[in-house]
Amino acid sequence: MMDAQRKKELMQAYKVAPTYYGVIQITNRQNGKIFIDTVPNIKNRWFFYQTNLNKNFYRNTPLQRDWNELGADQFSFQILWKKENDDVMNMHDELKQLKREWLLKLQPFGERGYNKRPLERN
């Protein structure tokens, strides 16, 4: 069992550890389809997605249907890009721009992925 001092040290280290925003990918190992998202803090993000998918939070989506049919062990999680979030002025805008760039780059739509194609602007 961990002593109180060690627990306090670990909590302090967790609090001062740098946090990162970034781009994540969930991959269906059976068909290769991917889901791309941008997140303000990548720490524990895979646990977040697993919990929500296990609770059927994304109902009526192809990702949720495949998760329910195939099971969690048929999916993997990867951090595609990360950066310390201490220098971001507007996280919302930064994440929006990042997502646009990565969706354009990876094209995770239709047979290739689970993302919805962004609306085109004229």
N, C-alpha and C. Protein backbone atom coordinates (compact mmCIF):
# COMPACT_ATOMS: atom_id res chain seq x y z
N MET A 1 0.84 -1.19 0.00
CA MET A 1 0.00 0.00 0.00
C MET A 1 0.88 1.25 0.00
N MET A 2 0.42 2.29 -0.67
CA MET A 2 1.20 3.52 -0.81
C MET A 2 1.05 4.39 0.44
N ASP A 3 2.19 4.94 0.90
CA ASP A 3 2.09 5.82 2.06
C ASP A 3 1.59 7.20 1.65
N ALA A 4 1.14 7.97 2.63
CA ALA A 4 0.51 9.27 2.38
C ALA A 4 1.47 10.24 1.69
N GLN A 5 2.74 10.24 2.08
CA GLN A 5 3.72 11.15 1.48
C GLN A 5 3.91 10.84 0.00
N ARG A 6 4.05 9.58 -0.33
CA ARG A 6 4.24 9.18 -1.73
C ARG A 6 3.01 9.54 -2.57
N LYS A 7 1.84 9.34 -2.02
CA LYS A 7 0.60 9.68 -2.70
C LYS A 7 0.54 11.18 -2.97
N LYS A 8 0.95 11.97 -1.98
CA LYS A 8 0.96 13.43 -2.12
C LYS A 8 1.94 13.85 -3.22
N GLU A 9 3.12 13.22 -3.26
CA GLU A 9 4.12 13.52 -4.28
C GLU A 9 3.60 13.21 -5.69
N LEU A 10 2.95 12.07 -5.82
CA LEU A 10 2.40 11.68 -7.12
C LEU A 10 1.30 12.64 -7.58
N MET A 11 0.45 13.05 -6.66
CA MET A 11 -0.62 14.00 -7.00
C MET A 11 -0.03 15.33 -7.45
N GLN A 12 1.00 15.78 -6.77
CA GLN A 12 1.65 17.05 -7.13
C GLN A 12 2.30 16.95 -8.51
N ALA A 13 2.96 15.83 -8.77
CA ALA A 13 3.60 15.63 -10.08
C ALA A 13 2.55 15.62 -11.18
N TYR A 14 1.40 15.01 -10.93
CA TYR A 14 0.31 14.97 -11.91
C TYR A 14 -0.19 16.39 -12.19
N LYS A 15 -0.33 17.19 -11.15
CA LYS A 15 -0.84 18.55 -11.30
C LYS A 15 0.10 19.45 -12.10
N VAL A 16 1.40 19.28 -11.94
CA VAL A 16 2.35 20.16 -12.62
C VAL A 16 2.83 19.60 -13.96
N ALA A 17 2.45 18.37 -14.27
CA ALA A 17 2.85 17.78 -15.56
C ALA A 17 2.23 18.59 -16.69
N PRO A 18 2.98 18.80 -17.76
CA PRO A 18 2.42 19.57 -18.88
C PRO A 18 1.22 18.84 -19.47
N THR A 19 0.27 19.61 -19.95
CA THR A 19 -0.88 19.03 -20.63
C THR A 19 -0.75 19.33 -22.12
N TYR A 20 -1.30 18.44 -22.91
CA TYR A 20 -1.17 18.55 -24.35
C TYR A 20 -2.54 18.50 -25.01
N TYR A 21 -2.71 19.31 -26.03
CA TYR A 21 -3.86 19.17 -26.90
C TYR A 21 -3.39 18.42 -28.11
N GLY A 22 -4.32 17.87 -28.87
CA GLY A 22 -3.84 17.13 -30.02
C GLY A 22 -4.90 16.51 -30.87
N VAL A 23 -4.41 15.64 -31.75
CA VAL A 23 -5.24 14.93 -32.72
C VAL A 23 -5.14 13.45 -32.38
N ILE A 24 -6.30 12.80 -32.26
CA ILE A 24 -6.31 11.38 -31.93
C ILE A 24 -7.00 10.59 -33.05
N GLN A 25 -6.70 9.31 -33.06
CA GLN A 25 -7.32 8.42 -34.04
C GLN A 25 -7.74 7.13 -33.36
N ILE A 26 -8.97 6.71 -33.63
CA ILE A 26 -9.46 5.40 -33.20
C ILE A 26 -9.56 4.57 -34.46
N THR A 27 -8.98 3.38 -34.44
CA THR A 27 -8.94 2.53 -35.62
C THR A 27 -9.68 1.21 -35.37
N ASN A 28 -10.54 0.86 -36.32
CA ASN A 28 -11.20 -0.43 -36.31
C ASN A 28 -10.22 -1.43 -36.94
N ARG A 29 -9.76 -2.36 -36.15
CA ARG A 29 -8.74 -3.31 -36.62
C ARG A 29 -9.28 -4.28 -37.67
N GLN A 30 -10.59 -4.48 -37.71
CA GLN A 30 -11.15 -5.44 -38.68
C GLN A 30 -11.28 -4.86 -40.07
N ASN A 31 -11.74 -3.61 -40.17
CA ASN A 31 -11.96 -3.06 -41.52
C ASN A 31 -11.08 -1.85 -41.84
N GLY A 32 -10.26 -1.42 -40.89
CA GLY A 32 -9.34 -0.32 -41.13
C GLY A 32 -9.95 1.07 -41.07
N LYS A 33 -11.26 1.17 -40.81
CA LYS A 33 -11.90 2.48 -40.73
C LYS A 33 -11.35 3.25 -39.53
N ILE A 34 -11.24 4.56 -39.69
CA ILE A 34 -10.68 5.39 -38.62
C ILE A 34 -11.65 6.51 -38.24
N PHE A 35 -11.50 6.95 -37.01
CA PHE A 35 -12.22 8.11 -36.50
C PHE A 35 -11.16 9.10 -36.03
N ILE A 36 -11.26 10.34 -36.49
CA ILE A 36 -10.31 11.39 -36.14
C ILE A 36 -11.01 12.43 -35.28
N ASP A 37 -10.33 12.88 -34.23
CA ASP A 37 -10.88 13.96 -33.40
C ASP A 37 -9.73 14.80 -32.87
N THR A 38 -10.06 16.01 -32.49
CA THR A 38 -9.10 16.89 -31.82
C THR A 38 -9.60 17.10 -30.40
N VAL A 39 -8.66 17.14 -29.46
CA VAL A 39 -9.03 17.21 -28.05
C VAL A 39 -8.16 18.23 -27.32
N PRO A 40 -8.76 18.95 -26.36
CA PRO A 40 -8.01 19.97 -25.63
C PRO A 40 -7.01 19.40 -24.64
N ASN A 41 -7.20 18.15 -24.22
CA ASN A 41 -6.28 17.51 -23.28
C ASN A 41 -6.27 16.01 -23.60
N ILE A 42 -5.14 15.50 -24.07
CA ILE A 42 -5.09 14.10 -24.49
C ILE A 42 -4.92 13.12 -23.33
N LYS A 43 -4.64 13.64 -22.15
CA LYS A 43 -4.44 12.77 -20.99
C LYS A 43 -5.72 11.96 -20.73
N ASN A 44 -5.58 10.68 -20.63
CA ASN A 44 -6.69 9.76 -20.35
C ASN A 44 -7.79 9.77 -21.42
N ARG A 45 -7.52 10.24 -22.61
CA ARG A 45 -8.55 10.38 -23.63
C ARG A 45 -9.07 9.03 -24.12
N TRP A 46 -8.21 8.02 -24.22
CA TRP A 46 -8.67 6.71 -24.67
C TRP A 46 -9.68 6.16 -23.68
N PHE A 47 -9.42 6.33 -22.39
CA PHE A 47 -10.36 5.89 -21.36
C PHE A 47 -11.71 6.61 -21.54
N PHE A 48 -11.67 7.91 -21.84
CA PHE A 48 -12.88 8.71 -22.06
C PHE A 48 -13.70 8.12 -23.20
N TYR A 49 -13.07 7.84 -24.34
CA TYR A 49 -13.80 7.28 -25.48
C TYR A 49 -14.33 5.89 -25.18
N GLN A 50 -13.53 5.04 -24.58
CA GLN A 50 -13.97 3.70 -24.24
C GLN A 50 -15.20 3.73 -23.33
N THR A 51 -15.14 4.58 -22.32
CA THR A 51 -16.25 4.69 -21.39
C THR A 51 -17.52 5.11 -22.11
N ASN A 52 -17.43 6.14 -22.95
CA ASN A 52 -18.61 6.62 -23.67
C ASN A 52 -19.13 5.59 -24.68
N LEU A 53 -18.25 4.92 -25.38
CA LEU A 53 -18.69 3.90 -26.34
C LEU A 53 -19.30 2.71 -25.61
N ASN A 54 -18.74 2.32 -24.48
CA ASN A 54 -19.30 1.22 -23.71
C ASN A 54 -20.67 1.56 -23.14
N LYS A 55 -20.93 2.84 -22.93
CA LYS A 55 -22.25 3.29 -22.42
C LYS A 55 -23.21 3.64 -23.56
N ASN A 56 -22.81 3.34 -24.81
CA ASN A 56 -23.64 3.60 -25.99
C ASN A 56 -23.96 5.09 -26.16
N PHE A 57 -23.00 5.94 -25.79
CA PHE A 57 -23.18 7.40 -25.86
C PHE A 57 -23.30 7.90 -27.30
N TYR A 58 -22.63 7.24 -28.24
CA TYR A 58 -22.61 7.67 -29.64
C TYR A 58 -23.65 6.92 -30.47
N ARG A 59 -24.80 6.62 -29.87
CA ARG A 59 -25.83 5.84 -30.57
C ARG A 59 -26.17 6.45 -31.92
N ASN A 60 -26.62 5.59 -32.79
CA ASN A 60 -26.98 5.97 -34.16
C ASN A 60 -25.80 6.46 -34.98
N THR A 61 -24.60 6.00 -34.64
CA THR A 61 -23.43 6.33 -35.45
C THR A 61 -22.78 5.02 -35.90
N PRO A 62 -22.15 5.04 -37.06
CA PRO A 62 -21.46 3.82 -37.53
C PRO A 62 -20.36 3.35 -36.55
N LEU A 63 -19.66 4.28 -35.92
CA LEU A 63 -18.62 3.89 -34.96
C LEU A 63 -19.25 3.12 -33.80
N GLN A 64 -20.33 3.62 -33.25
CA GLN A 64 -20.98 2.94 -32.13
C GLN A 64 -21.50 1.57 -32.54
N ARG A 65 -22.08 1.47 -33.74
CA ARG A 65 -22.59 0.18 -34.22
C ARG A 65 -21.46 -0.85 -34.33
N ASP A 66 -20.34 -0.44 -34.93
CA ASP A 66 -19.20 -1.36 -35.05
C ASP A 66 -18.64 -1.72 -33.69
N TRP A 67 -18.55 -0.76 -32.79
CA TRP A 67 -18.05 -1.01 -31.42
C TRP A 67 -18.94 -2.05 -30.74
N ASN A 68 -20.25 -1.88 -30.86
CA ASN A 68 -21.19 -2.80 -30.22
C ASN A 68 -21.10 -4.20 -30.83
N GLU A 69 -20.95 -4.27 -32.15
CA GLU A 69 -20.92 -5.56 -32.84
C GLU A 69 -19.59 -6.29 -32.66
N LEU A 70 -18.48 -5.56 -32.76
CA LEU A 70 -17.16 -6.18 -32.76
C LEU A 70 -16.51 -6.26 -31.38
N GLY A 71 -16.83 -5.31 -30.51
CA GLY A 71 -16.23 -5.28 -29.19
C GLY A 71 -15.02 -4.35 -29.12
N ALA A 72 -14.74 -3.89 -27.92
CA ALA A 72 -13.67 -2.91 -27.68
C ALA A 72 -12.30 -3.40 -28.12
N ASP A 73 -12.05 -4.70 -28.01
CA ASP A 73 -10.72 -5.23 -28.33
C ASP A 73 -10.40 -5.16 -29.82
N GLN A 74 -11.38 -4.82 -30.66
CA GLN A 74 -11.15 -4.69 -32.10
C GLN A 74 -10.82 -3.25 -32.50
N PHE A 75 -10.62 -2.38 -31.51
CA PHE A 75 -10.30 -0.98 -31.77
C PHE A 75 -9.01 -0.59 -31.07
N SER A 76 -8.27 0.31 -31.71
CA SER A 76 -7.04 0.81 -31.11
C SER A 76 -7.07 2.34 -31.09
N PHE A 77 -6.23 2.91 -30.28
CA PHE A 77 -6.17 4.35 -30.07
C PHE A 77 -4.76 4.83 -30.35
N GLN A 78 -4.66 5.96 -31.02
CA GLN A 78 -3.34 6.51 -31.34
C GLN A 78 -3.39 8.03 -31.26
N ILE A 79 -2.33 8.62 -30.73
CA ILE A 79 -2.17 10.07 -30.75
C ILE A 79 -1.38 10.39 -32.01
N LEU A 80 -1.99 11.15 -32.92
CA LEU A 80 -1.34 11.47 -34.19
C LEU A 80 -0.45 12.70 -34.09
N TRP A 81 -0.84 13.63 -33.22
CA TRP A 81 -0.11 14.89 -33.10
C TRP A 81 -0.44 15.49 -31.75
N LYS A 82 0.56 16.08 -31.09
CA LYS A 82 0.29 16.75 -29.82
C LYS A 82 1.22 17.93 -29.63
N LYS A 83 0.76 18.86 -28.81
CA LYS A 83 1.54 20.05 -28.50
C LYS A 83 1.10 20.56 -27.14
N GLU A 84 2.06 21.09 -26.37
CA GLU A 84 1.71 21.66 -25.07
C GLU A 84 0.67 22.75 -25.26
N ASN A 85 -0.32 22.75 -24.39
CA ASN A 85 -1.39 23.72 -24.58
C ASN A 85 -1.21 25.02 -23.80
N ASP A 86 0.00 25.28 -23.34
CA ASP A 86 0.23 26.52 -22.60
C ASP A 86 0.39 27.75 -23.48
N ASP A 87 0.52 27.56 -24.79
CA ASP A 87 0.73 28.72 -25.67
C ASP A 87 -0.45 28.97 -26.62
N VAL A 88 -1.60 28.41 -26.32
CA VAL A 88 -2.77 28.57 -27.19
C VAL A 88 -3.64 29.71 -26.67
N MET A 89 -3.93 30.64 -27.55
CA MET A 89 -4.76 31.78 -27.17
C MET A 89 -6.25 31.41 -27.18
N ASN A 90 -6.69 30.70 -28.21
CA ASN A 90 -8.10 30.32 -28.33
C ASN A 90 -8.16 28.84 -28.69
N MET A 91 -8.34 28.01 -27.67
CA MET A 91 -8.30 26.56 -27.87
C MET A 91 -9.39 26.10 -28.83
N HIS A 92 -10.58 26.64 -28.73
CA HIS A 92 -11.69 26.25 -29.60
C HIS A 92 -11.32 26.44 -31.07
N ASP A 93 -10.81 27.61 -31.41
CA ASP A 93 -10.42 27.89 -32.80
C ASP A 93 -9.25 27.03 -33.24
N GLU A 94 -8.30 26.83 -32.35
CA GLU A 94 -7.13 26.00 -32.66
C GLU A 94 -7.56 24.57 -32.98
N LEU A 95 -8.44 24.00 -32.15
CA LEU A 95 -8.90 22.63 -32.37
C LEU A 95 -9.72 22.51 -33.66
N LYS A 96 -10.52 23.50 -33.93
CA LYS A 96 -11.34 23.51 -35.15
C LYS A 96 -10.45 23.49 -36.39
N GLN A 97 -9.42 24.33 -36.39
CA GLN A 97 -8.49 24.41 -37.52
C GLN A 97 -7.71 23.10 -37.67
N LEU A 98 -7.23 22.55 -36.55
CA LEU A 98 -6.50 21.29 -36.57
C LEU A 98 -7.35 20.17 -37.15
N LYS A 99 -8.60 20.10 -36.71
CA LYS A 99 -9.49 19.04 -37.18
C LYS A 99 -9.70 19.17 -38.68
N ARG A 100 -9.92 20.38 -39.15
CA ARG A 100 -10.11 20.62 -40.58
C ARG A 100 -8.89 20.10 -41.36
N GLU A 101 -7.70 20.44 -40.88
CA GLU A 101 -6.46 20.02 -41.56
C GLU A 101 -6.31 18.50 -41.59
N TRP A 102 -6.55 17.83 -40.45
CA TRP A 102 -6.37 16.38 -40.39
C TRP A 102 -7.46 15.64 -41.15
N LEU A 103 -8.68 16.16 -41.17
CA LEU A 103 -9.73 15.52 -41.95
C LEU A 103 -9.39 15.61 -43.44
N LEU A 104 -8.88 16.75 -43.85
CA LEU A 104 -8.49 16.93 -45.25
C LEU A 104 -7.33 15.97 -45.59
N LYS A 105 -6.38 15.85 -44.69
CA LYS A 105 -5.21 15.01 -44.91
C LYS A 105 -5.55 13.52 -44.96
N LEU A 106 -6.39 13.04 -44.02
CA LEU A 106 -6.64 11.61 -43.90
C LEU A 106 -7.93 11.13 -44.56
N GLN A 107 -8.86 12.05 -44.84
CA GLN A 107 -10.11 11.71 -45.52
C GLN A 107 -10.84 10.51 -44.87
N PRO A 108 -11.15 10.59 -43.56
CA PRO A 108 -11.78 9.45 -42.88
C PRO A 108 -13.30 9.42 -43.07
N PHE A 109 -13.75 9.37 -44.32
CA PHE A 109 -15.17 9.44 -44.62
C PHE A 109 -15.63 8.19 -45.35
N GLY A 110 -16.91 7.89 -45.26
CA GLY A 110 -17.48 6.76 -45.99
C GLY A 110 -16.81 5.46 -45.63
N GLU A 111 -16.32 4.75 -46.64
CA GLU A 111 -15.68 3.45 -46.43
C GLU A 111 -14.33 3.56 -45.71
N ARG A 112 -13.76 4.75 -45.68
CA ARG A 112 -12.44 4.95 -45.06
C ARG A 112 -12.51 5.29 -43.58
N GLY A 113 -13.67 5.80 -43.14
CA GLY A 113 -13.71 6.21 -41.75
C GLY A 113 -15.09 6.53 -41.22
N TYR A 114 -15.09 7.02 -39.98
CA TYR A 114 -16.32 7.27 -39.24
C TYR A 114 -16.71 8.75 -39.17
N ASN A 115 -15.84 9.62 -39.62
CA ASN A 115 -16.15 11.04 -39.53
C ASN A 115 -17.15 11.45 -40.60
N LYS A 116 -17.92 12.48 -40.27
CA LYS A 116 -18.82 13.07 -41.25
C LYS A 116 -18.01 14.06 -42.06
N ARG A 117 -18.29 14.11 -43.33
CA ARG A 117 -17.61 15.05 -44.21
C ARG A 117 -18.02 16.47 -43.80
N PRO A 118 -17.04 17.36 -43.59
CA PRO A 118 -17.40 18.74 -43.22
C PRO A 118 -18.13 19.43 -44.36
N LEU A 119 -19.00 20.35 -44.01
CA LEU A 119 -19.72 21.11 -45.02
C LEU A 119 -18.75 22.01 -45.76
N GLU A 120 -18.89 22.05 -47.05
CA GLU A 120 -18.05 22.91 -47.87
C GLU A 120 -18.56 24.34 -47.79
N ARG A 121 -17.64 25.27 -47.70
CA ARG A 121 -18.00 26.70 -47.69
C ARG A 121 -17.72 27.29 -49.05
N ASN A 122 -18.62 28.13 -49.51
CA ASN A 122 -18.43 28.78 -50.83
C ASN A 122 -17.62 30.03 -50.69
